[in-house]
């Protein structure tokens, strides 16, 4: 039996563009700064915002329900946040967590930030915190061997689920 090949060719243009920008020293406009001023909606992928932070869908999710919480201000690290920005950001992380729990009922969650390019940050100049639902047994051969993830829903469906759950506690 021949080895099956799986492709994530849709990422090719993104990777090439990011590499060229980084090597030239011209990173261009920050997509996260652009999203910070957009209204919530399925087209923008913005789920909610506060005065100092916002939550959006991850455009290249590890799995369904993958959200990002970000400060509106362009900063790379936690130490650059004011106290108000820090507390506001983590209040948004908490609400994103609640929304993912209501919308998906996962067995667990990954919450974390990749600080700097070496840690895996795709956009290291703008701090972002990942909120990702996880299920028992959700790691399979696709991610382990083929370095490919299978997403069972569109970003528009993810936006609808999480937006509908935003602000609702798990007990309601």
Foldseek 3Di string as FASTA:
>chain_A
DDDDADDPCVCVVVVVVCVVCVVVVHNDDDLLLVLLPDDDDLVSQWQDDDPFKTKGADPDDLEQLKMKIFTNDFAQDPVPDDPVNNVRSVVVVVQSQQLSCQLPVAPDWDKAWQADVVSPDSDRRTTIIIIGGHHVPLDDCCCVPNVDHDYPDDSSVSSVSSNVSGPPGNVD
